[in-house]
Amino acid sequence: EKNLYAYLFGVKQPIVHTMAYFVSILRERIANFE
């Protein structure tokens, strides 16, 4: 609710960007996990 501008007008498909953002963080963590 605090950032509805980004969801409605910032990006065209917010869920696509969010999933890509999450997957990139996860793969980076897996690749360097100790």
Full PDB file with SEQRES, HELIX, SHEET, SSBOND, CRYST1, ORIGX, SCALE, CONECT and MASTER records, all heavy atoms in Angstrom:
SEQRES   1 A   34  GLU LYS ASN LEU TYR ALA TYR LEU PHE GLY VAL LYS GLN          
SEQRES   2 A   34  PRO ILE VAL HIS THR MET ALA TYR PHE VAL SER ILE LEU          
SEQRES   3 A   34  ARG GLU ARG ILE ALA ASN PHE GLU                              
HELIX    1 AA1 LEU A    4  TYR A    5  1                                   2    
HELIX    2 AA2 ALA A    6  GLY A   10  3                                   5    
HELIX    3 AA3 PRO A   14  ALA A   31  1                                  18    
CRYST1    1.000    1.000    1.000  90.00  90.00  90.00 P 1           1          
ORIGX1      1.000000  0.000000  0.000000        0.00000                         
ORIGX2      0.000000  1.000000  0.000000        0.00000                         
ORIGX3      0.000000  0.000000  1.000000        0.00000                         
SCALE1      1.000000  0.000000  0.000000        0.00000                         
SCALE2      0.000000  1.000000  0.000000        0.00000                         
SCALE3      0.000000  0.000000  1.000000        0.00000                         
ATOM      1  N   GLU A   1       0.820  -1.209   0.000  1.00  0.00           N  
ATOM      2  CA  GLU A   1       0.000   0.000   0.000  1.00  0.00           C  
ATOM      3  C   GLU A   1       0.858   1.266   0.000  1.00  0.00           C  
ATOM      4  O   GLU A   1       0.409   2.320  -0.456  1.00  0.00           O  
ATOM      5  CB  GLU A   1      -0.921   0.007   1.222  1.00  0.00           C  
ATOM      6  CG  GLU A   1      -1.891  -1.155   1.288  1.00  0.00           C  
ATOM      7  CD  GLU A   1      -2.794  -1.056   2.504  1.00  0.00           C  
ATOM      8  OE1 GLU A   1      -3.124   0.086   2.903  1.00  0.00           O  
ATOM      9  OE2 GLU A   1      -3.171  -2.107   3.054  1.00  0.00           O  
ATOM     10  N   LYS A   2       2.082   1.168   0.505  1.00  0.00           N  
ATOM     11  CA  LYS A   2       2.949   2.334   0.597  1.00  0.00           C  
ATOM     12  C   LYS A   2       3.616   2.679  -0.727  1.00  0.00           C  
ATOM     13  O   LYS A   2       4.187   3.765  -0.848  1.00  0.00           O  
ATOM     14  CB  LYS A   2       4.023   2.099   1.659  1.00  0.00           C  
ATOM     15  CG  LYS A   2       3.471   1.854   3.053  1.00  0.00           C  
ATOM     16  CD  LYS A   2       4.590   1.591   4.034  1.00  0.00           C  
ATOM     17  CE  LYS A   2       4.054   1.303   5.428  1.00  0.00           C  
ATOM     18  NZ  LYS A   2       5.156   1.016   6.390  1.00  0.00           N  
ATOM     19  N   ASN A   3       3.584   1.777  -1.680  1.00  0.00           N  
ATOM     20  CA  ASN A   3       4.262   2.033  -2.951  1.00  0.00           C  
ATOM     21  C   ASN A   3       3.397   1.544  -4.123  1.00  0.00           C  
ATOM     22  O   ASN A   3       3.848   0.791  -4.977  1.00  0.00           O  
ATOM     23  CB  ASN A   3       5.633   1.335  -2.965  1.00  0.00           C  
ATOM     24  CG  ASN A   3       6.554   1.901  -4.022  1.00  0.00           C  
ATOM     25  OD1 ASN A   3       6.302   2.968  -4.588  1.00  0.00           O  
ATOM     26  ND2 ASN A   3       7.634   1.190  -4.305  1.00  0.00           N  
ATOM     27  N   LEU A   4       2.144   1.992  -4.150  1.00  0.00           N  
ATOM     28  CA  LEU A   4       1.255   1.600  -5.232  1.00  0.00           C  
ATOM     29  C   LEU A   4       1.655   2.220  -6.563  1.00  0.00           C  
ATOM     30  O   LEU A   4       1.321   1.687  -7.622  1.00  0.00           O  
ATOM     31  CB  LEU A   4      -0.189   2.006  -4.899  1.00  0.00           C  
ATOM     32  CG  LEU A   4      -0.925   1.124  -3.891  1.00  0.00           C  
ATOM     33  CD1 LEU A   4      -2.328   1.643  -3.658  1.00  0.00           C  
ATOM     34  CD2 LEU A   4      -0.961  -0.319  -4.371  1.00  0.00           C  
ATOM     35  N   TYR A   5       2.384   3.328  -6.529  1.00  0.00           N  
ATOM     36  CA  TYR A   5       2.826   3.951  -7.784  1.00  0.00           C  
ATOM     37  C   TYR A   5       3.740   3.001  -8.554  1.00  0.00           C  
ATOM     38  O   TYR A   5       3.618   2.866  -9.777  1.00  0.00           O  
ATOM     39  CB  TYR A   5       3.541   5.268  -7.504  1.00  0.00           C  
ATOM     40  CG  TYR A   5       3.876   6.047  -8.760  1.00  0.00           C  
ATOM     41  CD1 TYR A   5       3.018   7.029  -9.228  1.00  0.00           C  
ATOM     42  CD2 TYR A   5       5.046   5.798  -9.474  1.00  0.00           C  
ATOM     43  CE1 TYR A   5       3.313   7.739 -10.384  1.00  0.00           C  
ATOM     44  CE2 TYR A   5       5.347   6.497 -10.622  1.00  0.00           C  
ATOM     45  CZ  TYR A   5       4.472   7.465 -11.074  1.00  0.00           C  
ATOM     46  OH  TYR A   5       4.763   8.160 -12.229  1.00  0.00           O  
ATOM     47  N   ALA A   6       4.662   2.351  -7.824  1.00  0.00           N  
ATOM     48  CA  ALA A   6       5.580   1.425  -8.504  1.00  0.00           C  
ATOM     49  C   ALA A   6       4.822   0.254  -9.101  1.00  0.00           C  
ATOM     50  O   ALA A   6       5.129  -0.200 -10.207  1.00  0.00           O  
ATOM     51  CB  ALA A   6       6.642   0.937  -7.526  1.00  0.00           C  
ATOM     52  N   TYR A   7       3.823  -0.256  -8.388  1.00  0.00           N  
ATOM     53  CA  TYR A   7       3.072  -1.407  -8.884  1.00  0.00           C  
ATOM     54  C   TYR A   7       2.188  -1.037 -10.069  1.00  0.00           C  
ATOM     55  O   TYR A   7       2.082  -1.806 -11.029  1.00  0.00           O  
ATOM     56  CB  TYR A   7       2.217  -1.987  -7.755  1.00  0.00           C  
ATOM     57  CG  TYR A   7       1.452  -3.229  -8.135  1.00  0.00           C  
ATOM     58  CD1 TYR A   7       2.062  -4.475  -8.114  1.00  0.00           C  
ATOM     59  CD2 TYR A   7       0.119  -3.158  -8.535  1.00  0.00           C  
ATOM     60  CE1 TYR A   7       1.368  -5.620  -8.476  1.00  0.00           C  
ATOM     61  CE2 TYR A   7      -0.588  -4.293  -8.898  1.00  0.00           C  
ATOM     62  CZ  TYR A   7       0.042  -5.522  -8.865  1.00  0.00           C  
ATOM     63  OH  TYR A   7      -0.638  -6.649  -9.230  1.00  0.00           O  
ATOM     64  N   LEU A   8       1.546   0.130 -10.035  1.00  0.00           N  
ATOM     65  CA  LEU A   8       0.600   0.505 -11.087  1.00  0.00           C  
ATOM     66  C   LEU A   8       1.263   1.185 -12.284  1.00  0.00           C  
ATOM     67  O   LEU A   8       0.864   0.946 -13.431  1.00  0.00           O  
ATOM     68  CB  LEU A   8      -0.471   1.442 -10.509  1.00  0.00           C  
ATOM     69  CG  LEU A   8      -1.427   0.814  -9.492  1.00  0.00           C  
ATOM     70  CD1 LEU A   8      -2.290   1.886  -8.848  1.00  0.00           C  
ATOM     71  CD2 LEU A   8      -2.293  -0.249 -10.150  1.00  0.00           C  
ATOM     72  N   PHE A   9       2.264   2.022 -12.020  1.00  0.00           N  
ATOM     73  CA  PHE A   9       2.818   2.847 -13.088  1.00  0.00           C  
ATOM     74  C   PHE A   9       4.326   2.677 -13.273  1.00  0.00           C  
ATOM     75  O   PHE A   9       4.869   3.111 -14.286  1.00  0.00           O  
ATOM     76  CB  PHE A   9       2.532   4.333 -12.812  1.00  0.00           C  
ATOM     77  CG  PHE A   9       1.101   4.598 -12.437  1.00  0.00           C  
ATOM     78  CD1 PHE A   9       0.760   4.909 -11.127  1.00  0.00           C  
ATOM     79  CD2 PHE A   9       0.099   4.542 -13.383  1.00  0.00           C  
ATOM     80  CE1 PHE A   9      -0.555   5.155 -10.764  1.00  0.00           C  
ATOM     81  CE2 PHE A   9      -1.223   4.796 -13.035  1.00  0.00           C  
ATOM     82  CZ  PHE A   9      -1.557   5.103 -11.731  1.00  0.00           C  
ATOM     83  N   GLY A  10       5.021   2.058 -12.286  1.00  0.00           N  
ATOM     84  CA  GLY A  10       6.482   1.979 -12.383  1.00  0.00           C  
ATOM     85  C   GLY A  10       6.966   0.970 -13.396  1.00  0.00           C  
ATOM     86  O   GLY A  10       7.849   1.258 -14.210  1.00  0.00           O  
ATOM     87  N   VAL A  11       6.405  -0.240 -13.356  1.00  0.00           N  
ATOM     88  CA  VAL A  11       6.801  -1.302 -14.284  1.00  0.00           C  
ATOM     89  C   VAL A  11       5.543  -1.884 -14.908  1.00  0.00           C  
ATOM     90  O   VAL A  11       4.439  -1.791 -14.355  1.00  0.00           O  
ATOM     91  CB  VAL A  11       7.600  -2.414 -13.560  1.00  0.00           C  
ATOM     92  CG1 VAL A  11       8.950  -1.902 -13.116  1.00  0.00           C  
ATOM     93  CG2 VAL A  11       6.820  -2.957 -12.379  1.00  0.00           C  
ATOM     94  N   LYS A  12       5.696  -2.485 -16.069  1.00  0.00           N  
ATOM     95  CA  LYS A  12       4.545  -3.001 -16.805  1.00  0.00           C  
ATOM     96  C   LYS A  12       3.988  -4.258 -16.176  1.00  0.00           C  
ATOM     97  O   LYS A  12       2.770  -4.421 -16.040  1.00  0.00           O  
ATOM     98  CB  LYS A  12       4.950  -3.265 -18.254  1.00  0.00           C  
ATOM     99  CG  LYS A  12       3.783  -3.635 -19.162  1.00  0.00           C  
ATOM    100  CD  LYS A  12       4.231  -3.766 -20.602  1.00  0.00           C  
ATOM    101  CE  LYS A  12       3.048  -4.102 -21.514  1.00  0.00           C  
ATOM    102  NZ  LYS A  12       3.467  -4.240 -22.932  1.00  0.00           N  
ATOM    103  N   GLN A  13       4.860  -5.193 -15.772  1.00  0.00           N  
ATOM    104  CA  GLN A  13       4.443  -6.449 -15.160  1.00  0.00           C  
ATOM    105  C   GLN A  13       5.230  -6.630 -13.856  1.00  0.00           C  
ATOM    106  O   GLN A  13       6.297  -7.232 -13.842  1.00  0.00           O  
ATOM    107  CB  GLN A  13       4.677  -7.632 -16.101  1.00  0.00           C  
ATOM    108  CG  GLN A  13       3.819  -7.591 -17.353  1.00  0.00           C  
ATOM    109  CD  GLN A  13       4.086  -8.773 -18.267  1.00  0.00           C  
ATOM    110  OE1 GLN A  13       5.246  -9.088 -18.572  1.00  0.00           O  
ATOM    111  NE2 GLN A  13       3.029  -9.442 -18.695  1.00  0.00           N  
ATOM    112  N   PRO A  14       4.723  -6.120 -12.761  1.00  0.00           N  
ATOM    113  CA  PRO A  14       5.490  -6.161 -11.503  1.00  0.00           C  
ATOM    114  C   PRO A  14       5.813  -7.570 -11.036  1.00  0.00           C  
ATOM    115  O   PRO A  14       6.908  -7.813 -10.525  1.00  0.00           O  
ATOM    116  CB  PRO A  14       4.559  -5.437 -10.513  1.00  0.00           C  
ATOM    117  CG  PRO A  14       3.640  -4.629 -11.357  1.00  0.00           C  
ATOM    118  CD  PRO A  14       3.450  -5.396 -12.620  1.00  0.00           C  
ATOM    119  N   ILE A  15       4.892  -8.505 -11.174  1.00  0.00           N  
ATOM    120  CA  ILE A  15       5.143  -9.854 -10.671  1.00  0.00           C  
ATOM    121  C   ILE A  15       6.262 -10.534 -11.454  1.00  0.00           C  
ATOM    122  O   ILE A  15       7.034 -11.321 -10.907  1.00  0.00           O  
ATOM    123  CB  ILE A  15       3.843 -10.691 -10.701  1.00  0.00           C  
ATOM    124  CG1 ILE A  15       4.056 -12.020  -9.996  1.00  0.00           C  
ATOM    125  CG2 ILE A  15       3.360 -10.880 -12.131  1.00  0.00           C  
ATOM    126  CD1 ILE A  15       4.448 -11.915  -8.560  1.00  0.00           C  
ATOM    127  N   VAL A  16       6.377 -10.224 -12.760  1.00  0.00           N  
ATOM    128  CA  VAL A  16       7.463 -10.792 -13.564  1.00  0.00           C  
ATOM    129  C   VAL A  16       8.806 -10.284 -13.057  1.00  0.00           C  
ATOM    130  O   VAL A  16       9.762 -11.058 -12.880  1.00  0.00           O  
ATOM    131  CB  VAL A  16       7.266 -10.445 -15.044  1.00  0.00           C  
ATOM    132  CG1 VAL A  16       8.466 -10.908 -15.867  1.00  0.00           C  
ATOM    133  CG2 VAL A  16       5.982 -11.078 -15.575  1.00  0.00           C  
ATOM    134  N   HIS A  17       8.903  -8.986 -12.793  1.00  0.00           N  
ATOM    135  CA  HIS A  17      10.151  -8.419 -12.283  1.00  0.00           C  
ATOM    136  C   HIS A  17      10.464  -8.945 -10.888  1.00  0.00           C  
ATOM    137  O   HIS A  17      11.620  -9.222 -10.562  1.00  0.00           O  
ATOM    138  CB  HIS A  17      10.048  -6.897 -12.257  1.00  0.00           C  
ATOM    139  CG  HIS A  17      10.026  -6.259 -13.608  1.00  0.00           C  
ATOM    140  ND1 HIS A  17      11.168  -5.878 -14.286  1.00  0.00           N  
ATOM    141  CD2 HIS A  17       8.999  -5.943 -14.428  1.00  0.00           C  
ATOM    142  CE1 HIS A  17      10.855  -5.346 -15.453  1.00  0.00           C  
ATOM    143  NE2 HIS A  17       9.529  -5.370 -15.563  1.00  0.00           N  
ATOM    144  N   THR A  18       9.428  -9.093 -10.062  1.00  0.00           N  
ATOM    145  CA  THR A  18       9.647  -9.578  -8.697  1.00  0.00           C  
ATOM    146  C   THR A  18      10.158 -11.010  -8.692  1.00  0.00           C  
ATOM    147  O   THR A  18      11.085 -11.357  -7.944  1.00  0.00           O  
ATOM    148  CB  THR A  18       8.345  -9.475  -7.891  1.00  0.00           C  
ATOM    149  OG1 THR A  18       7.893  -8.123  -7.894  1.00  0.00           O  
ATOM    150  CG2 THR A  18       8.573  -9.914  -6.451  1.00  0.00           C  
ATOM    151  N   MET A  19       9.565 -11.867  -9.519  1.00  0.00           N  
ATOM    152  CA  MET A  19      10.014 -13.251  -9.584  1.00  0.00           C  
ATOM    153  C   MET A  19      11.448 -13.347 -10.106  1.00  0.00           C  
ATOM    154  O   MET A  19      12.263 -14.127  -9.595  1.00  0.00           O  
ATOM    155  CB  MET A  19       9.077 -14.070 -10.459  1.00  0.00           C  
ATOM    156  CG  MET A  19       7.698 -14.310  -9.844  1.00  0.00           C  
ATOM    157  SD  MET A  19       7.775 -15.214  -8.285  1.00  0.00           S  
ATOM    158  CE  MET A  19       8.501 -16.760  -8.839  1.00  0.00           C  
ATOM    159  N   ALA A  20      11.770 -12.543 -11.112  1.00  0.00           N  
ATOM    160  CA  ALA A  20      13.138 -12.543 -11.628  1.00  0.00           C  
ATOM    161  C   ALA A  20      14.122 -12.036 -10.574  1.00  0.00           C  
ATOM    162  O   ALA A  20      15.242 -12.566 -10.439  1.00  0.00           O  
ATOM    163  CB  ALA A  20      13.219 -11.673 -12.876  1.00  0.00           C  
ATOM    164  N   TYR A  21      13.716 -11.031  -9.822  1.00  0.00           N  
ATOM    165  CA  TYR A  21      14.549 -10.505  -8.738  1.00  0.00           C  
ATOM    166  C   TYR A  21      14.786 -11.564  -7.670  1.00  0.00           C  
ATOM    167  O   TYR A  21      15.927 -11.771  -7.207  1.00  0.00           O  
ATOM    168  CB  TYR A  21      13.853  -9.280  -8.154  1.00  0.00           C  
ATOM    169  CG  TYR A  21      14.519  -8.648  -6.964  1.00  0.00           C  
ATOM    170  CD1 TYR A  21      15.741  -7.984  -7.093  1.00  0.00           C  
ATOM    171  CD2 TYR A  21      13.933  -8.697  -5.709  1.00  0.00           C  
ATOM    172  CE1 TYR A  21      16.344  -7.388  -6.000  1.00  0.00           C  
ATOM    173  CE2 TYR A  21      14.526  -8.109  -4.614  1.00  0.00           C  
ATOM    174  CZ  TYR A  21      15.732  -7.457  -4.755  1.00  0.00           C  
ATOM    175  OH  TYR A  21      16.337  -6.878  -3.676  1.00  0.00           O  
ATOM    176  N   PHE A  22      13.731 -12.274  -7.278  1.00  0.00           N  
ATOM    177  CA  PHE A  22      13.851 -13.324  -6.273  1.00  0.00           C  
ATOM    178  C   PHE A  22      14.739 -14.468  -6.764  1.00  0.00           C  
ATOM    179  O   PHE A  22      15.615 -14.952  -6.029  1.00  0.00           O  
ATOM    180  CB  PHE A  22      12.454 -13.844  -5.915  1.00  0.00           C  
ATOM    181  CG  PHE A  22      12.469 -14.991  -4.942  1.00  0.00           C  
ATOM    182  CD1 PHE A  22      12.552 -14.765  -3.581  1.00  0.00           C  
ATOM    183  CD2 PHE A  22      12.398 -16.301  -5.385  1.00  0.00           C  
ATOM    184  CE1 PHE A  22      12.565 -15.817  -2.681  1.00  0.00           C  
ATOM    185  CE2 PHE A  22      12.415 -17.359  -4.493  1.00  0.00           C  
ATOM    186  CZ  PHE A  22      12.502 -17.109  -3.139  1.00  0.00           C  
ATOM    187  N   VAL A  23      14.537 -14.914  -7.995  1.00  0.00           N  
ATOM    188  CA  VAL A  23      15.305 -16.038  -8.535  1.00  0.00           C  
ATOM    189  C   VAL A  23      16.786 -15.676  -8.648  1.00  0.00           C  
ATOM    190  O   VAL A  23      17.668 -16.503  -8.373  1.00  0.00           O  
ATOM    191  CB  VAL A  23      14.729 -16.475  -9.887  1.00  0.00           C  
ATOM    192  CG1 VAL A  23      15.651 -17.472 -10.575  1.00  0.00           C  
ATOM    193  CG2 VAL A  23      13.342 -17.082  -9.706  1.00  0.00           C  
ATOM    194  N   SER A  24      17.083 -14.442  -9.046  1.00  0.00           N  
ATOM    195  CA  SER A  24      18.490 -14.036  -9.168  1.00  0.00           C  
ATOM    196  C   SER A  24      19.183 -14.040  -7.803  1.00  0.00           C  
ATOM    197  O   SER A  24      20.334 -14.481  -7.682  1.00  0.00           O  
ATOM    198  CB  SER A  24      18.574 -12.644  -9.798  1.00  0.00           C  
ATOM    199  OG  SER A  24      17.964 -11.671  -8.970  1.00  0.00           O  
ATOM    200  N   ILE A  25      18.484 -13.576  -6.755  1.00  0.00           N  
ATOM    201  CA  ILE A  25      19.067 -13.604  -5.410  1.00  0.00           C  
ATOM    202  C   ILE A  25      19.262 -15.037  -4.944  1.00  0.00           C  
ATOM    203  O   ILE A  25      20.299 -15.392  -4.358  1.00  0.00           O  
ATOM    204  CB  ILE A  25      18.162 -12.834  -4.426  1.00  0.00           C  
ATOM    205  CG1 ILE A  25      18.117 -11.361  -4.795  1.00  0.00           C  
ATOM    206  CG2 ILE A  25      18.660 -12.996  -3.000  1.00  0.00           C  
ATOM    207  CD1 ILE A  25      17.176 -10.551  -3.932  1.00  0.00           C  
ATOM    208  N   LEU A  26      18.284 -15.896  -5.213  1.00  0.00           N  
ATOM    209  CA  LEU A  26      18.370 -17.288  -4.775  1.00  0.00           C  
ATOM    210  C   LEU A  26      19.513 -18.011  -5.465  1.00  0.00           C  
ATOM    211  O   LEU A  26      20.296 -18.729  -4.823  1.00  0.00           O  
ATOM    212  CB  LEU A  26      17.043 -17.988  -5.049  1.00  0.00           C  
ATOM    213  CG  LEU A  26      16.969 -19.474  -4.685  1.00  0.00           C  
ATOM    214  CD1 LEU A  26      17.248 -19.680  -3.206  1.00  0.00           C  
ATOM    215  CD2 LEU A  26      15.612 -20.049  -5.052  1.00  0.00           C  
ATOM    216  N   ARG A  27      19.647 -17.852  -6.763  1.00  0.00           N  
ATOM    217  CA  ARG A  27      20.716 -18.537  -7.489  1.00  0.00           C  
ATOM    218  C   ARG A  27      22.093 -18.019  -7.076  1.00  0.00           C  
ATOM    219  O   ARG A  27      23.051 -18.787  -7.008  1.00  0.00           O  
ATOM    220  CB  ARG A  27      20.498 -18.372  -8.988  1.00  0.00           C  
ATOM    221  CG  ARG A  27      19.380 -19.271  -9.537  1.00  0.00           C  
ATOM    222  CD  ARG A  27      19.117 -19.026 -10.988  1.00  0.00           C  
ATOM    223  NE  ARG A  27      18.202 -20.039 -11.529  1.00  0.00           N  
ATOM    224  CZ  ARG A  27      17.588 -19.949 -12.703  1.00  0.00           C  
ATOM    225  NH1 ARG A  27      17.783 -18.874 -13.464  1.00  0.00           N  
ATOM    226  NH2 ARG A  27      16.781 -20.910 -13.103  1.00  0.00           N  
ATOM    227  N   GLU A  28      22.190 -16.724  -6.808  1.00  0.00           N  
ATOM    228  CA  GLU A  28      23.475 -16.185  -6.339  1.00  0.00           C  
ATOM    229  C   GLU A  28      23.837 -16.756  -4.984  1.00  0.00           C  
ATOM    230  O   GLU A  28      25.001 -17.082  -4.719  1.00  0.00           O  
ATOM    231  CB  GLU A  28      23.375 -14.659  -6.283  1.00  0.00           C  
ATOM    232  CG  GLU A  28      24.690 -13.945  -6.003  1.00  0.00           C  
ATOM    233  CD  GLU A  28      25.002 -13.820  -4.525  1.00  0.00           C  
ATOM    234  OE1 GLU A  28      24.036 -13.885  -3.723  1.00  0.00           O  
ATOM    235  OE2 GLU A  28      26.179 -13.685  -4.164  1.00  0.00           O  
ATOM    236  N   ARG A  29      22.847 -16.924  -4.116  1.00  0.00           N  
ATOM    237  CA  ARG A  29      23.102 -17.486  -2.791  1.00  0.00           C  
ATOM    238  C   ARG A  29      23.489 -18.956  -2.885  1.00  0.00           C  
ATOM    239  O   ARG A  29      24.407 -19.413  -2.179  1.00  0.00           O  
ATOM    240  CB  ARG A  29      21.842 -17.325  -1.924  1.00  0.00           C  
ATOM    241  CG  ARG A  29      21.988 -17.841  -0.494  1.00  0.00           C  
ATOM    242  CD  ARG A  29      23.076 -17.119   0.243  1.00  0.00           C  
ATOM    243  NE  ARG A  29      23.125 -17.502   1.642  1.00  0.00           N  
ATOM    244  CZ  ARG A  29      24.081 -17.143   2.478  1.00  0.00           C  
ATOM    245  NH1 ARG A  29      25.072 -16.371   2.054  1.00  0.00           N  
ATOM    246  NH2 ARG A  29      24.064 -17.529   3.738  1.00  0.00           N  
ATOM    247  N   ILE A  30      22.812 -19.707  -3.730  1.00  0.00           N  
ATOM    248  CA  ILE A  30      23.139 -21.122  -3.905  1.00  0.00           C  
ATOM    249  C   ILE A  30      24.553 -21.283  -4.459  1.00  0.00           C  
ATOM    250  O   ILE A  30      25.316 -22.163  -4.031  1.00  0.00           O  
ATOM    251  CB  ILE A  30      22.120 -21.789  -4.846  1.00  0.00           C  
ATOM    252  CG1 ILE A  30      20.729 -21.816  -4.203  1.00  0.00           C  
ATOM    253  CG2 ILE A  30      22.542 -23.205  -5.189  1.00  0.00           C  
ATOM    254  CD1 ILE A  30      20.610 -22.631  -2.962  1.00  0.00           C  
ATOM    255  N   ALA A  31      24.924 -20.429  -5.396  1.00  0.00           N  
ATOM    256  CA  ALA A  31      26.242 -20.548  -6.032  1.00  0.00           C  
ATOM    257  C   ALA A  31      27.386 -20.221  -5.081  1.00  0.00           C  
ATOM    258  O   ALA A  31      28.516 -20.697  -5.282  1.00  0.00           O  
ATOM    259  CB  ALA A  31      26.315 -19.645  -7.260  1.00  0.00           C  
ATOM    260  N   ASN A  32      27.127 -19.425  -4.042  1.00  0.00           N  
ATOM    261  CA  ASN A  32      28.198 -19.010  -3.133  1.00  0.00           C  
ATOM    262  C   ASN A  32      27.959 -19.461  -1.696  1.00  0.00           C  
ATOM    263  O   ASN A  32      28.623 -18.965  -0.784  1.00  0.00           O  
ATOM    264  CB  ASN A  32      28.331 -17.480  -3.148  1.00  0.00           C  
ATOM    265  CG  ASN A  32      28.675 -16.940  -4.516  1.00  0.00           C  
ATOM    266  OD1 ASN A  32      29.815 -16.984  -4.959  1.00  0.00           O  
ATOM    267  ND2 ASN A  32      27.671 -16.413  -5.217  1.00  0.00           N  
ATOM    268  N   PHE A  33      27.041 -20.389  -1.503  1.00  0.00           N  
ATOM    269  CA  PHE A  33      26.691 -20.771  -0.137  1.00  0.00           C  
ATOM    270  C   PHE A  33      27.809 -21.590   0.493  1.00  0.00           C  
ATOM    271  O   PHE A  33      28.360 -22.495  -0.104  1.00  0.00           O  
ATOM    272  CB  PHE A  33      25.394 -21.581  -0.123  1.00  0.00           C  
ATOM    273  CG  PHE A  33      24.924 -21.914   1.260  1.00  0.00           C  
ATOM    274  CD1 PHE A  33      24.171 -21.010   1.981  1.00  0.00           C  
ATOM    275  CD2 PHE A  33      25.252 -23.129   1.851  1.00  0.00           C  
ATOM    276  CE1 PHE A  33      23.734 -21.308   3.263  1.00  0.00           C  
ATOM    277  CE2 PHE A  33      24.818 -23.432   3.129  1.00  0.00           C  
ATOM    278  CZ  PHE A  33      24.061 -22.522   3.834  1.00  0.00           C  
ATOM    279  N   GLU A  34      28.122 -21.261   1.737  1.00  0.00           N  
ATOM    280  CA  GLU A  34      29.059 -22.020   2.559  1.00  0.00           C  
ATOM    281  C   GLU A  34      28.433 -22.188   3.939  1.00  0.00           C  
ATOM    282  O   GLU A  34      27.753 -21.297   4.437  1.00  0.00           O  
ATOM    283  CB  GLU A  34      30.409 -21.306   2.675  1.00  0.00           C  
ATOM    284  CG  GLU A  34      31.175 -21.229   1.365  1.00  0.00           C  
ATOM    285  CD  GLU A  34      32.530 -20.586   1.540  1.00  0.00           C  
ATOM    286  OE1 GLU A  34      32.836 -20.179   2.683  1.00  0.00           O  
ATOM    287  OE2 GLU A  34      33.270 -20.476   0.553  1.00  0.00           O  
TER     288      GLU A  34                                                      
MASTER        0    0    0    3    0    0    0    6  287    1    0    3          
END                                                                             
